[in-house]
Amino acid sequence: MWKEVFTVEKINVLTSIKDEIESHVGERVTLKANGGRRKILVDNGVIEKTYPNIFVIRLEKDTHRTVTYSYSDVLTKTVQIVFAG
């Protein structure tokens, strides 16, 4: 029983993260990502597209480069997104 409740709550949180990111498609964001070995990568970009399990950000400093992250990366704070608003 407890496992079912935990799973449902986690799915609801991931859905709300996905919905929030979807509502900002096309907008500028500041992206802070854990690069491993105590490196924090900070980039500016635009949320380009969302998919069921991942989202794509086109980086501003190199318009030919995109990065993809999962919604669980946001949940676990491996990636932090600050909307330019």
PDB file of N, CA and C in Angstrom:
ATOM      1  N   MET A   1       0.824  -1.203   0.000  1.00  0.00           N
ATOM      2  CA  MET A   1       0.000   0.000   0.000  1.00  0.00           C
ATOM      3  C   MET A   1       0.855   1.248   0.000  1.00  0.00           C
ATOM      4  N   TRP A   2       1.849   1.318   0.904  1.00  0.00           N
ATOM      5  CA  TRP A   2       2.686   2.513   0.980  1.00  0.00           C
ATOM      6  C   TRP A   2       3.453   2.726  -0.316  1.00  0.00           C
ATOM      7  N   LYS A   3       3.936   1.634  -0.918  1.00  0.00           N
ATOM      8  CA  LYS A   3       4.687   1.734  -2.164  1.00  0.00           C
ATOM      9  C   LYS A   3       3.826   2.320  -3.274  1.00  0.00           C
ATOM     10  N   GLU A   4       2.558   1.954  -3.330  1.00  0.00           N
ATOM     11  CA  GLU A   4       1.654   2.489  -4.344  1.00  0.00           C
ATOM     12  C   GLU A   4       1.457   3.990  -4.158  1.00  0.00           C
ATOM     13  N   VAL A   5       1.283   4.442  -2.943  1.00  0.00           N
ATOM     14  CA  VAL A   5       1.075   5.857  -2.665  1.00  0.00           C
ATOM     15  C   VAL A   5       2.320   6.644  -3.052  1.00  0.00           C
ATOM     16  N   PHE A   6       3.494   6.133  -2.696  1.00  0.00           N
ATOM     17  CA  PHE A   6       4.742   6.803  -3.030  1.00  0.00           C
ATOM     18  C   PHE A   6       4.906   6.922  -4.543  1.00  0.00           C
ATOM     19  N   THR A   7       4.594   5.879  -5.278  1.00  0.00           N
ATOM     20  CA  THR A   7       4.725   5.890  -6.734  1.00  0.00           C
ATOM     21  C   THR A   7       3.767   6.893  -7.353  1.00  0.00           C
ATOM     22  N   VAL A   8       2.531   6.947  -6.892  1.00  0.00           N
ATOM     23  CA  VAL A   8       1.548   7.885  -7.425  1.00  0.00           C
ATOM     24  C   VAL A   8       1.976   9.323  -7.151  1.00  0.00           C
ATOM     25  N   GLU A   9       2.475   9.600  -5.949  1.00  0.00           N
ATOM     26  CA  GLU A   9       2.924  10.950  -5.627  1.00  0.00           C
ATOM     27  C   GLU A   9       4.103  11.357  -6.499  1.00  0.00           C
ATOM     28  N   LYS A  10       5.022  10.434  -6.738  1.00  0.00           N
ATOM     29  CA  LYS A  10       6.172  10.730  -7.585  1.00  0.00           C
ATOM     30  C   LYS A  10       5.732  11.029  -9.016  1.00  0.00           C
ATOM     31  N   ILE A  11       4.791  10.269  -9.533  1.00  0.00           N
ATOM     32  CA  ILE A  11       4.276  10.500 -10.880  1.00  0.00           C
ATOM     33  C   ILE A  11       3.607  11.870 -10.956  1.00  0.00           C
ATOM     34  N   ASN A  12       2.850  12.238  -9.932  1.00  0.00           N
ATOM     35  CA  ASN A  12       2.193  13.549  -9.919  1.00  0.00           C
ATOM     36  C   ASN A  12       3.215  14.686  -9.916  1.00  0.00           C
ATOM     37  N   VAL A  13       4.307  14.530  -9.173  1.00  0.00           N
ATOM     38  CA  VAL A  13       5.341  15.561  -9.127  1.00  0.00           C
ATOM     39  C   VAL A  13       6.015  15.672 -10.489  1.00  0.00           C
ATOM     40  N   LEU A  14       6.348  14.553 -11.106  1.00  0.00           N
ATOM     41  CA  LEU A  14       6.972  14.579 -12.427  1.00  0.00           C
ATOM     42  C   LEU A  14       6.033  15.194 -13.465  1.00  0.00           C
ATOM     43  N   THR A  15       4.747  14.906 -13.368  1.00  0.00           N
ATOM     44  CA  THR A  15       3.776  15.493 -14.291  1.00  0.00           C
ATOM     45  C   THR A  15       3.701  17.003 -14.116  1.00  0.00           C
ATOM     46  N   SER A  16       3.737  17.473 -12.873  1.00  0.00           N
ATOM     47  CA  SER A  16       3.683  18.923 -12.655  1.00  0.00           C
ATOM     48  C   SER A  16       4.958  19.597 -13.151  1.00  0.00           C
ATOM     49  N   ILE A  17       6.119  18.947 -13.015  1.00  0.00           N
ATOM     50  CA  ILE A  17       7.370  19.492 -13.551  1.00  0.00           C
ATOM     51  C   ILE A  17       7.280  19.572 -15.069  1.00  0.00           C
ATOM     52  N   LYS A  18       6.793  18.516 -15.699  1.00  0.00           N
ATOM     53  CA  LYS A  18       6.649  18.478 -17.151  1.00  0.00           C
ATOM     54  C   LYS A  18       5.702  19.576 -17.625  1.00  0.00           C
ATOM     55  N   ASP A  19       4.576  19.728 -16.957  1.00  0.00           N
ATOM     56  CA  ASP A  19       3.600  20.751 -17.331  1.00  0.00           C
ATOM     57  C   ASP A  19       4.192  22.156 -17.208  1.00  0.00           C
ATOM     58  N   GLU A  20       4.968  22.389 -16.157  1.00  0.00           N
ATOM     59  CA  GLU A  20       5.588  23.697 -15.943  1.00  0.00           C
ATOM     60  C   GLU A  20       6.595  24.000 -17.058  1.00  0.00           C
ATOM     61  N   ILE A  21       7.408  23.033 -17.401  1.00  0.00           N
ATOM     62  CA  ILE A  21       8.393  23.241 -18.470  1.00  0.00           C
ATOM     63  C   ILE A  21       7.690  23.429 -19.808  1.00  0.00           C
ATOM     64  N   GLU A  22       6.648  22.645 -20.071  1.00  0.00           N
ATOM     65  CA  GLU A  22       5.881  22.790 -21.319  1.00  0.00           C
ATOM     66  C   GLU A  22       5.282  24.185 -21.458  1.00  0.00           C
ATOM     67  N   SER A  23       4.880  24.777 -20.358  1.00  0.00           N
ATOM     68  CA  SER A  23       4.258  26.095 -20.418  1.00  0.00           C
ATOM     69  C   SER A  23       5.263  27.199 -20.742  1.00  0.00           C
ATOM     70  N   HIS A  24       6.557  26.871 -20.718  1.00  0.00           N
ATOM     71  CA  HIS A  24       7.598  27.863 -20.993  1.00  0.00           C
ATOM     72  C   HIS A  24       8.377  27.562 -22.272  1.00  0.00           C
ATOM     73  N   VAL A  25       7.849  26.705 -23.144  1.00  0.00           N
ATOM     74  CA  VAL A  25       8.526  26.394 -24.404  1.00  0.00           C
ATOM     75  C   VAL A  25       8.682  27.679 -25.212  1.00  0.00           C
ATOM     76  N   GLY A  26       9.880  27.895 -25.754  1.00  0.00           N
ATOM     77  CA  GLY A  26      10.165  29.095 -26.524  1.00  0.00           C
ATOM     78  C   GLY A  26      10.717  30.236 -25.704  1.00  0.00           C
ATOM     79  N   GLU A  27      10.779  30.082 -24.397  1.00  0.00           N
ATOM     80  CA  GLU A  27      11.260  31.148 -23.519  1.00  0.00           C
ATOM     81  C   GLU A  27      12.719  30.918 -23.135  1.00  0.00           C
ATOM     82  N   ARG A  28      13.395  32.032 -22.804  1.00  0.00           N
ATOM     83  CA  ARG A  28      14.782  31.963 -22.333  1.00  0.00           C
ATOM     84  C   ARG A  28      14.822  31.425 -20.910  1.00  0.00           C
ATOM     85  N   VAL A  29      15.876  30.641 -20.647  1.00  0.00           N
ATOM     86  CA  VAL A  29      16.098  30.094 -19.314  1.00  0.00           C
ATOM     87  C   VAL A  29      17.584  30.146 -18.992  1.00  0.00           C
ATOM     88  N   THR A  30      17.868  30.138 -17.715  1.00  0.00           N
ATOM     89  CA  THR A  30      19.233  29.915 -17.253  1.00  0.00           C
ATOM     90  C   THR A  30      19.263  28.506 -16.701  1.00  0.00           C
ATOM     91  N   LEU A  31      20.239  27.762 -17.141  1.00  0.00           N
ATOM     92  CA  LEU A  31      20.337  26.347 -16.824  1.00  0.00           C
ATOM     93  C   LEU A  31      21.564  26.123 -15.953  1.00  0.00           C
ATOM     94  N   LYS A  32      21.374  25.497 -14.807  1.00  0.00           N
ATOM     95  CA  LYS A  32      22.483  25.117 -13.944  1.00  0.00           C
ATOM     96  C   LYS A  32      22.467  23.597 -13.856  1.00  0.00           C
ATOM     97  N   ALA A  33      23.548  22.986 -14.344  1.00  0.00           N
ATOM     98  CA  ALA A  33      23.587  21.527 -14.387  1.00  0.00           C
ATOM     99  C   ALA A  33      24.825  21.016 -13.673  1.00  0.00           C
ATOM    100  N   ASN A  34      24.663  19.901 -13.005  1.00  0.00           N
ATOM    101  CA  ASN A  34      25.772  19.238 -12.347  1.00  0.00           C
ATOM    102  C   ASN A  34      26.603  18.540 -13.410  1.00  0.00           C
ATOM    103  N   GLY A  35      27.846  18.995 -13.592  1.00  0.00           N
ATOM    104  CA  GLY A  35      28.723  18.422 -14.602  1.00  0.00           C
ATOM    105  C   GLY A  35      29.602  17.308 -14.074  1.00  0.00           C
ATOM    106  N   GLY A  36      29.406  16.920 -12.836  1.00  0.00           N
ATOM    107  CA  GLY A  36      30.230  15.877 -12.247  1.00  0.00           C
ATOM    108  C   GLY A  36      31.543  16.428 -11.721  1.00  0.00           C
ATOM    109  N   ARG A  37      32.151  15.708 -10.814  1.00  0.00           N
ATOM    110  CA  ARG A  37      33.434  16.097 -10.219  1.00  0.00           C
ATOM    111  C   ARG A  37      33.448  17.551  -9.754  1.00  0.00           C
ATOM    112  N   ARG A  38      32.412  17.922  -9.057  1.00  0.00           N
ATOM    113  CA  ARG A  38      32.271  19.257  -8.455  1.00  0.00           C
ATOM    114  C   ARG A  38      32.211  20.389  -9.468  1.00  0.00           C
ATOM    115  N   LYS A  39      31.788  20.092 -10.687  1.00  0.00           N
ATOM    116  CA  LYS A  39      31.626  21.129 -11.706  1.00  0.00           C
ATOM    117  C   LYS A  39      30.156  21.477 -11.827  1.00  0.00           C
ATOM    118  N   ILE A  40      29.874  22.750 -11.860  1.00  0.00           N
ATOM    119  CA  ILE A  40      28.523  23.234 -12.115  1.00  0.00           C
ATOM    120  C   ILE A  40      28.566  23.996 -13.435  1.00  0.00           C
ATOM    121  N   LEU A  41      27.776  23.551 -14.393  1.00  0.00           N
ATOM    122  CA  LEU A  41      27.715  24.203 -15.690  1.00  0.00           C
ATOM    123  C   LEU A  41      26.556  25.181 -15.689  1.00  0.00           C
ATOM    124  N   VAL A  42      26.807  26.420 -16.068  1.00  0.00           N
ATOM    125  CA  VAL A  42      25.765  27.440 -16.133  1.00  0.00           C
ATOM    126  C   VAL A  42      25.702  27.937 -17.572  1.00  0.00           C
ATOM    127  N   ASP A  43      24.542  27.824 -18.186  1.00  0.00           N
ATOM    128  CA  ASP A  43      24.334  28.260 -19.562  1.00  0.00           C
ATOM    129  C   ASP A  43      22.986  28.934 -19.687  1.00  0.00           C
ATOM    130  N   ASN A  44      22.873  29.795 -20.692  1.00  0.00           N
ATOM    131  CA  ASN A  44      21.590  30.388 -21.057  1.00  0.00           C
ATOM    132  C   ASN A  44      21.121  29.710 -22.329  1.00  0.00           C
ATOM    133  N   GLY A  45      19.818  29.556 -22.447  1.00  0.00           N
ATOM    134  CA  GLY A  45      19.276  28.924 -23.629  1.00  0.00           C
ATOM    135  C   GLY A  45      17.784  29.147 -23.746  1.00  0.00           C
ATOM    136  N   VAL A  46      17.196  28.428 -24.684  1.00  0.00           N
ATOM    137  CA  VAL A  46      15.761  28.513 -24.934  1.00  0.00           C
ATOM    138  C   VAL A  46      15.202  27.100 -24.908  1.00  0.00           C
ATOM    139  N   ILE A  47      14.097  26.921 -24.194  1.00  0.00           N
ATOM    140  CA  ILE A  47      13.440  25.611 -24.199  1.00  0.00           C
ATOM    141  C   ILE A  47      12.849  25.419 -25.586  1.00  0.00           C
ATOM    142  N   GLU A  48      13.356  24.422 -26.290  1.00  0.00           N
ATOM    143  CA  GLU A  48      12.968  24.232 -27.677  1.00  0.00           C
ATOM    144  C   GLU A  48      11.787  23.284 -27.834  1.00  0.00           C
ATOM    145  N   LYS A  49      11.804  22.166 -27.127  1.00  0.00           N
ATOM    146  CA  LYS A  49      10.757  21.158 -27.320  1.00  0.00           C
ATOM    147  C   LYS A  49      10.669  20.284 -26.079  1.00  0.00           C
ATOM    148  N   THR A  50       9.475  19.766 -25.840  1.00  0.00           N
ATOM    149  CA  THR A  50       9.298  18.795 -24.763  1.00  0.00           C
ATOM    150  C   THR A  50       8.785  17.493 -25.346  1.00  0.00           C
ATOM    151  N   TYR A  51       9.174  16.415 -24.721  1.00  0.00           N
ATOM    152  CA  TYR A  51       8.743  15.068 -25.086  1.00  0.00           C
ATOM    153  C   TYR A  51       8.219  14.394 -23.822  1.00  0.00           C
ATOM    154  N   PRO A  52       7.638  13.213 -23.951  1.00  0.00           N
ATOM    155  CA  PRO A  52       7.078  12.568 -22.754  1.00  0.00           C
ATOM    156  C   PRO A  52       8.072  12.359 -21.607  1.00  0.00           C
ATOM    157  N   ASN A  53       9.352  12.104 -21.907  1.00  0.00           N
ATOM    158  CA  ASN A  53      10.309  11.824 -20.842  1.00  0.00           C
ATOM    159  C   ASN A  53      11.474  12.801 -20.756  1.00  0.00           C
ATOM    160  N   ILE A  54      11.663  13.630 -21.777  1.00  0.00           N
ATOM    161  CA  ILE A  54      12.794  14.557 -21.803  1.00  0.00           C
ATOM    162  C   ILE A  54      12.363  15.913 -22.354  1.00  0.00           C
ATOM    163  N   PHE A  55      13.234  16.904 -22.187  1.00  0.00           N
ATOM    164  CA  PHE A  55      13.033  18.206 -22.822  1.00  0.00           C
ATOM    165  C   PHE A  55      14.359  18.663 -23.415  1.00  0.00           C
ATOM    166  N   VAL A  56      14.272  19.534 -24.423  1.00  0.00           N
ATOM    167  CA  VAL A  56      15.438  19.970 -25.182  1.00  0.00           C
ATOM    168  C   VAL A  56      15.625  21.469 -24.991  1.00  0.00           C
ATOM    169  N   ILE A  57      16.869  21.867 -24.722  1.00  0.00           N
ATOM    170  CA  ILE A  57      17.215  23.277 -24.600  1.00  0.00           C
ATOM    171  C   ILE A  57      18.296  23.594 -25.622  1.00  0.00           C
ATOM    172  N   ARG A  58      18.053  24.630 -26.435  1.00  0.00           N
ATOM    173  CA  ARG A  58      19.059  25.102 -27.397  1.00  0.00           C
ATOM    174  C   ARG A  58      19.886  26.170 -26.701  1.00  0.00           C
ATOM    175  N   LEU A  59      21.194  25.957 -26.631  1.00  0.00           N
ATOM    176  CA  LEU A  59      22.084  26.883 -25.939  1.00  0.00           C
ATOM    177  C   LEU A  59      22.304  28.140 -26.762  1.00  0.00           C
ATOM    178  N   GLU A  60      22.360  29.290 -26.100  1.00  0.00           N
ATOM    179  CA  GLU A  60      22.508  30.569 -26.789  1.00  0.00           C
ATOM    180  C   GLU A  60      23.908  30.792 -27.337  1.00  0.00           C
ATOM    181  N   LYS A  61      24.930  30.354 -26.611  1.00  0.00           N
ATOM    182  CA  LYS A  61      26.288  30.649 -27.056  1.00  0.00           C
ATOM    183  C   LYS A  61      26.687  29.834 -28.283  1.00  0.00           C
ATOM    184  N   ASP A  62      26.000  28.727 -28.535  1.00  0.00           N
ATOM    185  CA  ASP A  62      26.258  27.915 -29.722  1.00  0.00           C
ATOM    186  C   ASP A  62      24.908  27.438 -30.235  1.00  0.00           C
ATOM    187  N   THR A  63      24.371  28.142 -31.224  1.00  0.00           N
ATOM    188  CA  THR A  63      23.000  27.880 -31.677  1.00  0.00           C
ATOM    189  C   THR A  63      22.835  26.512 -32.331  1.00  0.00           C
ATOM    190  N   HIS A  64      23.942  25.833 -32.615  1.00  0.00           N
ATOM    191  CA  HIS A  64      23.853  24.497 -33.203  1.00  0.00           C
ATOM    192  C   HIS A  64      23.875  23.404 -32.148  1.00  0.00           C
ATOM    193  N   ARG A  65      24.012  23.780 -30.888  1.00  0.00           N
ATOM    194  CA  ARG A  65      24.128  22.787 -29.821  1.00  0.00           C
ATOM    195  C   ARG A  65      22.869  22.758 -28.967  1.00  0.00           C
ATOM    196  N   THR A  66      22.387  21.550 -28.752  1.00  0.00           N
ATOM    197  CA  THR A  66      21.254  21.374 -27.853  1.00  0.00           C
ATOM    198  C   THR A  66      21.662  20.414 -26.746  1.00  0.00           C
ATOM    199  N   VAL A  67      20.985  20.535 -25.633  1.00  0.00           N
ATOM    200  CA  VAL A  67      21.163  19.594 -24.529  1.00  0.00           C
ATOM    201  C   VAL A  67      19.792  19.050 -24.159  1.00  0.00           C
ATOM    202  N   THR A  68      19.765  17.821 -23.710  1.00  0.00           N
ATOM    203  CA  THR A  68      18.510  17.204 -23.287  1.00  0.00           C
ATOM    204  C   THR A  68      18.636  16.740 -21.852  1.00  0.00           C
ATOM    205  N   TYR A  69      17.543  16.873 -21.139  1.00  0.00           N
ATOM    206  CA  TYR A  69      17.479  16.420 -19.752  1.00  0.00           C
ATOM    207  C   TYR A  69      16.130  15.761 -19.522  1.00  0.00           C
ATOM    208  N   SER A  70      16.069  14.928 -18.516  1.00  0.00           N
ATOM    209  CA  SER A  70      14.798  14.303 -18.155  1.00  0.00           C
ATOM    210  C   SER A  70      14.144  15.121 -17.049  1.00  0.00           C
ATOM    211  N   TYR A  71      12.866  14.901 -16.887  1.00  0.00           N
ATOM    212  CA  TYR A  71      12.132  15.612 -15.831  1.00  0.00           C
ATOM    213  C   TYR A  71      12.598  15.143 -14.457  1.00  0.00           C
ATOM    214  N   SER A  72      13.069  13.904 -14.373  1.00  0.00           N
ATOM    215  CA  SER A  72      13.584  13.415 -13.098  1.00  0.00           C
ATOM    216  C   SER A  72      14.904  14.109 -12.742  1.00  0.00           C
ATOM    217  N   ASP A  73      15.650  14.613 -13.738  1.00  0.00           N
ATOM    218  CA  ASP A  73      16.843  15.415 -13.446  1.00  0.00           C
ATOM    219  C   ASP A  73      16.465  16.686 -12.694  1.00  0.00           C
ATOM    220  N   VAL A  74      15.345  17.270 -13.046  1.00  0.00           N
ATOM    221  CA  VAL A  74      14.859  18.466 -12.349  1.00  0.00           C
ATOM    222  C   VAL A  74      14.396  18.082 -10.942  1.00  0.00           C
ATOM    223  N   LEU A  75      13.699  16.958 -10.841  1.00  0.00           N
ATOM    224  CA  LEU A  75      13.206  16.486  -9.544  1.00  0.00           C
ATOM    225  C   LEU A  75      14.357  16.230  -8.569  1.00  0.00           C
ATOM    226  N   THR A  76      15.428  15.625  -9.051  1.00  0.00           N
ATOM    227  CA  THR A  76      16.576  15.296  -8.180  1.00  0.00           C
ATOM    228  C   THR A  76      17.568  16.440  -8.064  1.00  0.00           C
ATOM    229  N   LYS A  77      17.267  17.558  -8.708  1.00  0.00           N
ATOM    230  CA  LYS A  77      18.085  18.776  -8.670  1.00  0.00           C
ATOM    231  C   LYS A  77      19.458  18.583  -9.304  1.00  0.00           C
ATOM    232  N   THR A  78      19.568  17.620 -10.215  1.00  0.00           N
ATOM    233  CA  THR A  78      20.761  17.498 -11.037  1.00  0.00           C
ATOM    234  C   THR A  78      20.805  18.670 -11.999  1.00  0.00           C
ATOM    235  N   VAL A  79      19.619  19.148 -12.382  1.00  0.00           N
ATOM    236  CA  VAL A  79      19.464  20.302 -13.268  1.00  0.00           C
ATOM    237  C   VAL A  79      18.522  21.294 -12.596  1.00  0.00           C
ATOM    238  N   GLN A  80      18.886  22.557 -12.630  1.00  0.00           N
ATOM    239  CA  GLN A  80      17.997  23.605 -12.124  1.00  0.00           C
ATOM    240  C   GLN A  80      17.728  24.576 -13.258  1.00  0.00           C
ATOM    241  N   ILE A  81      16.464  24.948 -13.421  1.00  0.00           N
ATOM    242  CA  ILE A  81      16.083  25.858 -14.475  1.00  0.00           C
ATOM    243  C   ILE A  81      15.518  27.127 -13.840  1.00  0.00           C
ATOM    244  N   VAL A  82      16.019  28.273 -14.290  1.00  0.00           N
ATOM    245  CA  VAL A  82      15.489  29.555 -13.844  1.00  0.00           C
ATOM    246  C   VAL A  82      14.871  30.212 -15.067  1.00  0.00           C
ATOM    247  N   PHE A  83      13.553  30.418 -15.034  1.00  0.00           N
ATOM    248  CA  PHE A  83      12.855  31.017 -16.165  1.00  0.00           C
ATOM    249  C   PHE A  83      13.120  32.518 -16.185  1.00  0.00           C
ATOM    250  N   ALA A  84      13.358  33.053 -17.379  1.00  0.00           N
ATOM    251  CA  ALA A  84      13.682  34.476 -17.527  1.00  0.00           C
ATOM    252  C   ALA A  84      12.482  35.352 -17.188  1.00  0.00           C
ATOM    253  N   GLY A  85      11.291  34.785 -17.348  1.00  0.00           N
ATOM    254  CA  GLY A  85      10.055  35.429 -16.955  1.00  0.00           C
ATOM    255  C   GLY A  85       9.839  36.739 -17.523  1.00  0.00           C
TER     256      GLY A  85
END
